[in-house]
Amino acid sequence: MALQHERGARAYIELWGVCYNSLAMSSNSTIDTLLVPEKTVVNAKGDGPGLNIGAAASRVFLLTLDITNIIEQEALDVSIYGSADGAAWGAKPLTAFPQKFYRGQHPLLLDLGGHGNAKFIRAHWEVKRWGRGTETPMFEFHLTIREVPPDILKEATAEAKALA
């Protein structure tokens, strides 16, 4: 899966070899928001706010981690946790981005099909710094979540099976 995003809302999601225009996705999507607010600056581990996903028509979401500022020799780990009630969070993450070291946009599909009790999700991050200079890490990032509409998911799955 790859995500290409340009200003002007022209983005394509390549899902199993099939491209879809995000404008078509956003018109059918009920969840299209920030899981971590824009310009969030972190220098220690932390958690984002919980997001209620219980009313979503789909249990598949596109997460996009956008790292906009960093300093050298540091790492960012971002994972997603689920909760049935928005108060007690699972001990293990539902998914996690691979460890990141650089600026950029990093997409990840979150499939909650096997996690029916997850009605809320939130981001958790941890940061590390090594080498010379200040020992305090600094990342500026935000995290978006967009519901993948069931019709697009069904079409992509059918096309992927036809190509197999």
N, C-alpha and C. Protein backbone atom coordinates (compact mmCIF):
# COMPACT_ATOMS: atom_id res chain seq x y z
N MET A 1 0.84 -1.17 0.00
CA MET A 1 0.00 0.00 0.00
C MET A 1 0.88 1.23 0.00
N ALA A 2 0.51 2.23 -0.76
CA ALA A 2 1.27 3.47 -0.81
C ALA A 2 0.29 4.63 -0.79
N LEU A 3 0.74 5.75 -0.26
CA LEU A 3 -0.09 6.94 -0.24
C LEU A 3 0.71 8.08 -0.82
N GLN A 4 0.12 8.76 -1.77
CA GLN A 4 0.73 9.95 -2.35
C GLN A 4 -0.21 11.08 -2.05
N HIS A 5 0.28 12.14 -1.43
CA HIS A 5 -0.60 13.24 -1.06
C HIS A 5 0.02 14.55 -1.53
N GLU A 6 -0.78 15.36 -2.16
CA GLU A 6 -0.38 16.69 -2.59
C GLU A 6 -1.40 17.65 -2.04
N ARG A 7 -1.01 18.91 -1.81
CA ARG A 7 -1.98 19.92 -1.41
C ARG A 7 -2.99 20.06 -2.53
N GLY A 8 -4.20 20.43 -2.22
CA GLY A 8 -5.25 20.49 -3.22
C GLY A 8 -6.11 19.24 -3.18
N ALA A 9 -5.99 18.44 -2.13
CA ALA A 9 -6.82 17.26 -1.89
C ALA A 9 -6.74 16.23 -3.01
N ARG A 10 -5.59 16.08 -3.62
CA ARG A 10 -5.44 15.06 -4.64
C ARG A 10 -4.55 13.97 -4.08
N ALA A 11 -5.17 12.92 -3.62
CA ALA A 11 -4.43 11.82 -3.01
C ALA A 11 -4.95 10.50 -3.57
N TYR A 12 -4.07 9.55 -3.67
CA TYR A 12 -4.44 8.23 -4.16
C TYR A 12 -3.98 7.20 -3.15
N ILE A 13 -4.84 6.24 -2.93
CA ILE A 13 -4.48 5.12 -2.07
C ILE A 13 -4.31 3.92 -2.98
N GLU A 14 -3.16 3.34 -2.95
CA GLU A 14 -2.93 2.14 -3.73
C GLU A 14 -3.09 0.97 -2.78
N LEU A 15 -4.13 0.23 -2.97
CA LEU A 15 -4.50 -0.83 -2.06
C LEU A 15 -4.58 -2.12 -2.86
N TRP A 16 -3.65 -3.01 -2.63
CA TRP A 16 -3.58 -4.27 -3.35
C TRP A 16 -3.50 -4.04 -4.86
N GLY A 17 -2.80 -3.01 -5.27
CA GLY A 17 -2.61 -2.74 -6.69
C GLY A 17 -3.72 -1.94 -7.33
N VAL A 18 -4.71 -1.45 -6.57
CA VAL A 18 -5.84 -0.71 -7.10
C VAL A 18 -5.78 0.71 -6.55
N CYS A 19 -5.95 1.72 -7.41
CA CYS A 19 -5.91 3.11 -6.96
C CYS A 19 -7.31 3.69 -6.87
N TYR A 20 -7.54 4.46 -5.83
CA TYR A 20 -8.81 5.13 -5.63
C TYR A 20 -8.55 6.58 -5.30
N ASN A 21 -9.34 7.48 -5.84
CA ASN A 21 -9.20 8.90 -5.57
C ASN A 21 -9.80 9.20 -4.20
N SER A 22 -9.07 9.93 -3.36
CA SER A 22 -9.53 10.20 -2.00
C SER A 22 -10.77 11.09 -1.96
N LEU A 23 -11.02 11.86 -3.01
CA LEU A 23 -12.22 12.67 -3.02
C LEU A 23 -13.45 11.78 -3.05
N ALA A 24 -13.38 10.69 -3.79
CA ALA A 24 -14.49 9.75 -3.80
C ALA A 24 -14.63 9.09 -2.43
N MET A 25 -13.51 8.80 -1.78
CA MET A 25 -13.55 8.20 -0.46
C MET A 25 -14.17 9.13 0.56
N SER A 26 -13.77 10.39 0.54
CA SER A 26 -14.20 11.29 1.60
C SER A 26 -15.70 11.57 1.54
N SER A 27 -16.32 11.47 0.37
CA SER A 27 -17.75 11.74 0.30
C SER A 27 -18.56 10.64 0.97
N ASN A 28 -18.04 9.41 1.04
CA ASN A 28 -18.76 8.31 1.65
C ASN A 28 -18.27 8.01 3.06
N SER A 29 -17.22 8.62 3.48
CA SER A 29 -16.59 8.29 4.74
C SER A 29 -17.24 9.01 5.90
N THR A 30 -17.50 8.27 6.98
CA THR A 30 -18.05 8.91 8.16
C THR A 30 -16.95 9.38 9.10
N ILE A 31 -15.79 8.73 9.08
CA ILE A 31 -14.67 9.14 9.94
C ILE A 31 -13.54 9.62 9.06
N ASP A 32 -13.18 10.87 9.21
CA ASP A 32 -12.07 11.48 8.48
C ASP A 32 -11.60 12.65 9.36
N THR A 33 -10.66 12.36 10.26
CA THR A 33 -10.29 13.35 11.26
C THR A 33 -8.84 13.16 11.72
N LEU A 34 -8.44 13.97 12.67
CA LEU A 34 -7.10 13.87 13.25
C LEU A 34 -7.16 13.04 14.52
N LEU A 35 -6.30 12.05 14.61
CA LEU A 35 -6.15 11.25 15.81
C LEU A 35 -5.14 11.91 16.75
N VAL A 36 -4.15 12.58 16.17
CA VAL A 36 -3.21 13.45 16.90
C VAL A 36 -3.25 14.78 16.18
N PRO A 37 -3.52 15.88 16.90
CA PRO A 37 -3.67 17.19 16.25
C PRO A 37 -2.44 17.64 15.47
N GLU A 38 -2.67 18.48 14.45
CA GLU A 38 -1.56 19.04 13.67
C GLU A 38 -0.62 19.82 14.58
N LYS A 39 0.65 19.82 14.19
CA LYS A 39 1.72 20.57 14.88
C LYS A 39 1.92 20.13 16.33
N THR A 40 1.58 18.87 16.63
CA THR A 40 1.86 18.33 17.95
C THR A 40 3.37 18.14 18.08
N VAL A 41 3.97 18.70 19.13
CA VAL A 41 5.39 18.57 19.39
C VAL A 41 5.56 17.72 20.64
N VAL A 42 6.34 16.64 20.52
CA VAL A 42 6.56 15.74 21.65
C VAL A 42 8.05 15.59 21.93
N ASN A 43 8.39 15.42 23.20
CA ASN A 43 9.76 15.13 23.59
C ASN A 43 9.81 14.03 24.64
N ALA A 44 8.68 13.37 24.88
CA ALA A 44 8.57 12.24 25.81
C ALA A 44 7.40 11.38 25.37
N LYS A 45 7.29 10.19 25.97
CA LYS A 45 6.17 9.34 25.60
C LYS A 45 4.85 9.97 26.01
N GLY A 46 3.79 9.59 25.29
CA GLY A 46 2.49 10.17 25.59
C GLY A 46 1.37 9.48 24.83
N ASP A 47 0.16 9.98 25.05
CA ASP A 47 -1.04 9.43 24.42
C ASP A 47 -1.87 10.55 23.82
N GLY A 48 -2.49 10.26 22.69
CA GLY A 48 -3.44 11.19 22.10
C GLY A 48 -4.81 10.99 22.73
N PRO A 49 -5.76 11.83 22.37
CA PRO A 49 -7.12 11.67 22.88
C PRO A 49 -7.79 10.44 22.28
N GLY A 50 -8.76 9.88 23.01
CA GLY A 50 -9.53 8.77 22.49
C GLY A 50 -10.51 9.23 21.42
N LEU A 51 -10.77 8.38 20.45
CA LEU A 51 -11.70 8.68 19.37
C LEU A 51 -12.75 7.57 19.32
N ASN A 52 -14.02 7.94 19.37
CA ASN A 52 -15.11 6.98 19.29
C ASN A 52 -15.30 6.56 17.84
N ILE A 53 -15.10 5.26 17.57
CA ILE A 53 -15.27 4.72 16.22
C ILE A 53 -16.43 3.74 16.16
N GLY A 54 -17.22 3.68 17.22
CA GLY A 54 -18.31 2.72 17.32
C GLY A 54 -19.35 2.84 16.23
N ALA A 55 -19.58 4.04 15.71
CA ALA A 55 -20.60 4.24 14.68
C ALA A 55 -20.08 4.08 13.26
N ALA A 56 -18.82 3.73 13.11
CA ALA A 56 -18.24 3.60 11.76
C ALA A 56 -18.91 2.48 10.98
N ALA A 57 -19.17 2.73 9.70
CA ALA A 57 -19.78 1.73 8.82
C ALA A 57 -18.79 0.63 8.47
N SER A 58 -17.53 0.95 8.52
CA SER A 58 -16.46 0.01 8.19
C SER A 58 -15.58 -0.20 9.41
N ARG A 59 -14.89 -1.32 9.47
CA ARG A 59 -13.94 -1.57 10.55
C ARG A 59 -12.50 -1.47 10.01
N VAL A 60 -12.34 -0.88 8.84
CA VAL A 60 -11.02 -0.70 8.23
C VAL A 60 -10.78 0.80 8.07
N PHE A 61 -9.58 1.24 8.50
CA PHE A 61 -9.23 2.65 8.48
C PHE A 61 -7.85 2.84 7.89
N LEU A 62 -7.66 3.97 7.21
CA LEU A 62 -6.35 4.37 6.73
C LEU A 62 -5.79 5.38 7.72
N LEU A 63 -4.66 5.05 8.33
CA LEU A 63 -3.96 5.95 9.23
C LEU A 63 -2.80 6.56 8.45
N THR A 64 -2.56 7.86 8.61
CA THR A 64 -1.42 8.49 7.98
C THR A 64 -0.66 9.30 9.02
N LEU A 65 0.55 8.85 9.31
CA LEU A 65 1.45 9.54 10.22
C LEU A 65 2.25 10.54 9.40
N ASP A 66 2.14 11.81 9.73
CA ASP A 66 2.84 12.87 9.00
C ASP A 66 3.84 13.53 9.95
N ILE A 67 5.11 13.22 9.78
CA ILE A 67 6.18 13.80 10.60
C ILE A 67 6.68 15.04 9.87
N THR A 68 6.54 16.20 10.52
CA THR A 68 6.84 17.47 9.86
C THR A 68 8.12 18.14 10.36
N ASN A 69 8.63 17.74 11.52
CA ASN A 69 9.88 18.33 12.01
C ASN A 69 10.55 17.35 12.98
N ILE A 70 11.89 17.31 12.91
CA ILE A 70 12.67 16.41 13.75
C ILE A 70 14.01 17.06 14.05
N ILE A 71 14.79 16.43 14.92
CA ILE A 71 16.21 16.72 15.05
C ILE A 71 16.94 15.42 14.76
N GLU A 72 18.25 15.48 14.56
CA GLU A 72 18.98 14.29 14.14
C GLU A 72 19.11 13.27 15.27
N GLN A 73 19.38 12.05 14.89
CA GLN A 73 19.66 10.94 15.78
C GLN A 73 18.56 10.71 16.82
N GLU A 74 17.36 10.46 16.32
CA GLU A 74 16.24 10.17 17.21
C GLU A 74 15.27 9.23 16.50
N ALA A 75 14.40 8.60 17.28
CA ALA A 75 13.43 7.65 16.74
C ALA A 75 12.06 7.89 17.36
N LEU A 76 11.01 7.64 16.56
CA LEU A 76 9.62 7.79 16.99
C LEU A 76 8.91 6.47 16.78
N ASP A 77 8.25 5.98 17.82
CA ASP A 77 7.42 4.78 17.74
C ASP A 77 5.98 5.20 18.03
N VAL A 78 5.07 4.91 17.09
CA VAL A 78 3.66 5.26 17.25
C VAL A 78 2.85 3.97 17.13
N SER A 79 1.99 3.73 18.12
CA SER A 79 1.12 2.57 18.10
C SER A 79 -0.32 3.00 18.40
N ILE A 80 -1.27 2.12 18.08
CA ILE A 80 -2.69 2.41 18.24
C ILE A 80 -3.28 1.40 19.22
N TYR A 81 -3.95 1.93 20.24
CA TYR A 81 -4.59 1.10 21.26
C TYR A 81 -6.10 1.19 21.16
N GLY A 82 -6.78 0.14 21.58
CA GLY A 82 -8.22 0.09 21.54
C GLY A 82 -8.83 -0.02 22.92
N SER A 83 -10.11 0.35 23.01
CA SER A 83 -10.85 0.31 24.27
C SER A 83 -12.32 0.07 23.97
N ALA A 84 -12.99 -0.66 24.84
CA ALA A 84 -14.42 -0.88 24.70
C ALA A 84 -15.22 0.29 25.24
N ASP A 85 -14.65 1.01 26.23
CA ASP A 85 -15.40 2.08 26.89
C ASP A 85 -14.73 3.45 26.88
N GLY A 86 -13.53 3.56 26.33
CA GLY A 86 -12.82 4.83 26.29
C GLY A 86 -12.10 5.17 27.58
N ALA A 87 -12.14 4.26 28.55
CA ALA A 87 -11.47 4.50 29.84
C ALA A 87 -10.37 3.47 30.08
N ALA A 88 -10.66 2.19 29.88
CA ALA A 88 -9.69 1.12 30.08
C ALA A 88 -9.12 0.72 28.71
N TRP A 89 -7.82 0.90 28.53
CA TRP A 89 -7.17 0.64 27.24
C TRP A 89 -6.45 -0.69 27.28
N GLY A 90 -6.43 -1.39 26.14
CA GLY A 90 -5.79 -2.70 26.04
C GLY A 90 -4.32 -2.65 26.42
N ALA A 91 -3.81 -3.80 26.86
CA ALA A 91 -2.40 -3.90 27.25
C ALA A 91 -1.48 -3.96 26.03
N LYS A 92 -2.01 -4.45 24.91
CA LYS A 92 -1.21 -4.57 23.70
C LYS A 92 -1.80 -3.68 22.61
N PRO A 93 -0.96 -3.12 21.74
CA PRO A 93 -1.49 -2.27 20.66
C PRO A 93 -2.24 -3.10 19.62
N LEU A 94 -3.20 -2.46 18.97
CA LEU A 94 -3.92 -3.08 17.85
C LEU A 94 -3.02 -3.14 16.62
N THR A 95 -2.19 -2.11 16.46
CA THR A 95 -1.23 -2.05 15.37
C THR A 95 -0.17 -1.01 15.73
N ALA A 96 0.90 -1.01 14.97
CA ALA A 96 1.97 -0.03 15.20
C ALA A 96 2.65 0.31 13.88
N PHE A 97 3.05 1.54 13.76
CA PHE A 97 3.87 1.95 12.62
C PHE A 97 5.28 1.42 12.84
N PRO A 98 5.99 1.08 11.77
CA PRO A 98 7.41 0.78 11.94
C PRO A 98 8.12 2.01 12.52
N GLN A 99 9.17 1.79 13.26
CA GLN A 99 9.92 2.90 13.87
C GLN A 99 10.35 3.90 12.80
N LYS A 100 10.19 5.20 13.12
CA LYS A 100 10.48 6.27 12.16
C LYS A 100 11.61 7.15 12.66
N PHE A 101 12.43 7.62 11.69
CA PHE A 101 13.59 8.45 11.99
C PHE A 101 13.58 9.77 11.21
N TYR A 102 12.74 9.87 10.19
CA TYR A 102 12.80 11.00 9.27
C TYR A 102 11.42 11.63 9.06
N ARG A 103 11.42 12.83 8.48
CA ARG A 103 10.18 13.49 8.08
C ARG A 103 9.52 12.70 6.96
N GLY A 104 8.21 12.88 6.83
CA GLY A 104 7.50 12.25 5.72
C GLY A 104 6.13 11.78 6.13
N GLN A 105 5.39 11.30 5.13
CA GLN A 105 4.06 10.74 5.35
C GLN A 105 4.17 9.22 5.29
N HIS A 106 3.55 8.57 6.27
CA HIS A 106 3.67 7.12 6.40
C HIS A 106 2.27 6.53 6.60
N PRO A 107 1.73 5.83 5.59
CA PRO A 107 0.38 5.25 5.69
C PRO A 107 0.40 3.87 6.34
N LEU A 108 -0.72 3.51 6.94
CA LEU A 108 -0.88 2.19 7.55
C LEU A 108 -2.36 1.86 7.59
N LEU A 109 -2.74 0.64 7.16
CA LEU A 109 -4.12 0.21 7.26
C LEU A 109 -4.36 -0.40 8.64
N LEU A 110 -5.46 -0.02 9.25
CA LEU A 110 -5.88 -0.57 10.53
C LEU A 110 -7.17 -1.34 10.28
N ASP A 111 -7.12 -2.66 10.43
CA ASP A 111 -8.28 -3.51 10.24
C ASP A 111 -8.74 -4.00 11.61
N LEU A 112 -9.90 -3.52 12.04
CA LEU A 112 -10.43 -3.90 13.34
C LEU A 112 -11.44 -5.03 13.25
N GLY A 113 -11.46 -5.72 12.12
CA GLY A 113 -12.39 -6.83 11.94
C GLY A 113 -12.26 -7.89 13.02
N GLY A 114 -11.09 -8.14 13.52
CA GLY A 114 -10.86 -9.12 14.58
C GLY A 114 -10.91 -8.52 15.97
N HIS A 115 -11.28 -7.25 16.07
CA HIS A 115 -11.32 -6.56 17.36
C HIS A 115 -12.68 -5.90 17.53
N GLY A 116 -13.73 -6.72 17.55
CA GLY A 116 -15.10 -6.21 17.61
C GLY A 116 -15.41 -5.40 18.85
N ASN A 117 -14.66 -5.60 19.94
CA ASN A 117 -14.93 -4.86 21.17
C ASN A 117 -14.30 -3.47 21.18
N ALA A 118 -13.47 -3.15 20.19
CA ALA A 118 -12.80 -1.84 20.15
C ALA A 118 -13.79 -0.79 19.63
N LYS A 119 -14.30 0.02 20.52
CA LYS A 119 -15.21 1.11 20.16
C LYS A 119 -14.51 2.46 20.18
N PHE A 120 -13.34 2.50 20.81
CA PHE A 120 -12.52 3.71 20.89
C PHE A 120 -11.10 3.32 20.53
N ILE A 121 -10.38 4.26 19.90
CA ILE A 121 -8.95 4.07 19.65
C ILE A 121 -8.21 5.34 20.04
N ARG A 122 -6.92 5.20 20.30
CA ARG A 122 -6.07 6.36 20.55
C ARG A 122 -4.64 6.00 20.17
N ALA A 123 -3.86 7.04 19.89
CA ALA A 123 -2.46 6.87 19.55
C ALA A 123 -1.61 6.94 20.81
N HIS A 124 -0.54 6.18 20.82
CA HIS A 124 0.47 6.22 21.87
C HIS A 124 1.82 6.38 21.18
N TRP A 125 2.70 7.22 21.72
CA TRP A 125 4.01 7.39 21.11
C TRP A 125 5.11 7.32 22.15
N GLU A 126 6.27 6.89 21.68
CA GLU A 126 7.49 6.89 22.48
C GLU A 126 8.59 7.44 21.60
N VAL A 127 9.50 8.20 22.22
CA VAL A 127 10.60 8.83 21.48
C VAL A 127 11.92 8.47 22.14
N LYS A 128 12.97 8.41 21.32
CA LYS A 128 14.32 8.11 21.81
C LYS A 128 15.29 9.03 21.09
N ARG A 129 16.39 9.35 21.77
CA ARG A 129 17.44 10.18 21.17
C ARG A 129 18.77 9.62 21.62
N TRP A 130 19.76 9.68 20.74
CA TRP A 130 21.10 9.21 21.04
C TRP A 130 22.11 10.12 20.37
N GLY A 131 23.37 9.90 20.64
CA GLY A 131 24.42 10.68 19.97
C GLY A 131 24.74 11.97 20.70
N ARG A 132 25.32 12.89 19.98
CA ARG A 132 25.77 14.15 20.57
C ARG A 132 24.64 15.19 20.60
N GLY A 133 24.90 16.26 21.31
CA GLY A 133 23.91 17.33 21.41
C GLY A 133 22.96 17.06 22.58
N THR A 134 21.86 17.75 22.58
CA THR A 134 20.88 17.59 23.65
C THR A 134 20.35 16.16 23.69
N GLU A 135 20.07 15.68 24.88
CA GLU A 135 19.54 14.32 25.03
C GLU A 135 18.03 14.27 24.87
N THR A 136 17.39 15.43 24.79
CA THR A 136 15.93 15.49 24.69
C THR A 136 15.50 15.37 23.23
N PRO A 137 14.70 14.34 22.90
CA PRO A 137 14.20 14.21 21.52
C PRO A 137 13.13 15.26 21.24
N MET A 138 12.86 15.50 19.95
CA MET A 138 11.80 16.43 19.54
C MET A 138 11.26 15.97 18.19
N PHE A 139 9.97 15.66 18.18
CA PHE A 139 9.26 15.35 16.94
C PHE A 139 8.04 16.24 16.87
N GLU A 140 7.77 16.75 15.67
CA GLU A 140 6.51 17.44 15.39
C GLU A 140 5.78 16.56 14.38
N PHE A 141 4.55 16.18 14.70
CA PHE A 141 3.81 15.29 13.81
C PHE A 141 2.32 15.43 14.05
N HIS A 142 1.56 14.81 13.17
CA HIS A 142 0.13 14.61 13.39
C HIS A 142 -0.26 13.28 12.77
N LEU A 143 -1.41 12.79 13.16
CA LEU A 143 -1.88 11.49 12.71
C LEU A 143 -3.34 11.60 12.28
N THR A 144 -3.60 11.26 11.03
CA THR A 144 -4.97 11.30 10.52
C THR A 144 -5.54 9.89 10.46
N ILE A 145 -6.85 9.83 10.54
CA ILE A 145 -7.57 8.56 10.40
C ILE A 145 -8.71 8.78 9.42
N ARG A 146 -8.84 7.88 8.49
CA ARG A 146 -9.90 7.95 7.48
C ARG A 146 -10.51 6.56 7.33
N GLU A 147 -11.81 6.53 7.48
CA GLU A 147 -12.52 5.27 7.30
C GLU A 147 -12.48 4.86 5.84
N VAL A 148 -12.20 3.58 5.58
CA VAL A 148 -12.24 3.05 4.21
C VAL A 148 -13.65 2.53 4.00
N PRO A 149 -14.41 3.16 3.10
CA PRO A 149 -15.81 2.74 2.89
C PRO A 149 -15.91 1.28 2.47
N PRO A 150 -16.94 0.58 2.95
CA PRO A 150 -17.10 -0.85 2.65
C PRO A 150 -17.14 -1.16 1.16
N ASP A 151 -17.77 -0.29 0.34
CA ASP A 151 -17.86 -0.57 -1.10
C ASP A 151 -16.48 -0.54 -1.76
N ILE A 152 -15.64 0.38 -1.35
CA ILE A 152 -14.29 0.45 -1.92
C ILE A 152 -13.46 -0.74 -1.46
N LEU A 153 -13.61 -1.11 -0.21
CA LEU A 153 -12.89 -2.27 0.32
C LEU A 153 -13.32 -3.54 -0.39
N LYS A 154 -14.62 -3.69 -0.63
CA LYS A 154 -15.14 -4.87 -1.32
C LYS A 154 -14.61 -4.93 -2.76
N GLU A 155 -14.61 -3.79 -3.44
CA GLU A 155 -14.12 -3.73 -4.82
C GLU A 155 -12.62 -4.04 -4.90
N ALA A 156 -11.85 -3.49 -3.97
CA ALA A 156 -10.39 -3.74 -3.95
C ALA A 156 -10.09 -5.20 -3.66
N THR A 157 -10.84 -5.80 -2.74
CA THR A 157 -10.64 -7.21 -2.41
C THR A 157 -10.97 -8.09 -3.61
N ALA A 158 -12.06 -7.79 -4.30
CA ALA A 158 -12.45 -8.57 -5.48
C ALA A 158 -11.39 -8.46 -6.58
N GLU A 159 -10.89 -7.26 -6.80
CA GLU A 159 -9.87 -7.08 -7.82
C GLU A 159 -8.57 -7.77 -7.45
N ALA A 160 -8.21 -7.74 -6.18
CA ALA A 160 -7.00 -8.41 -5.72
C ALA A 160 -7.11 -9.92 -5.92
N LYS A 161 -8.29 -10.48 -5.64
CA LYS A 161 -8.48 -11.92 -5.86
C LYS A 161 -8.41 -12.26 -7.33
N ALA A 162 -8.92 -11.38 -8.18
CA ALA A 162 -8.88 -11.63 -9.63
C ALA A 162 -7.45 -11.59 -10.16
N LEU A 163 -6.59 -10.78 -9.54
CA LEU A 163 -5.20 -10.67 -9.96
C LEU A 163 -4.35 -11.80 -9.43
N ALA A 164 -4.80 -12.50 -8.40
CA ALA A 164 -4.00 -13.56 -7.76
C ALA A 164 -3.96 -14.83 -8.57
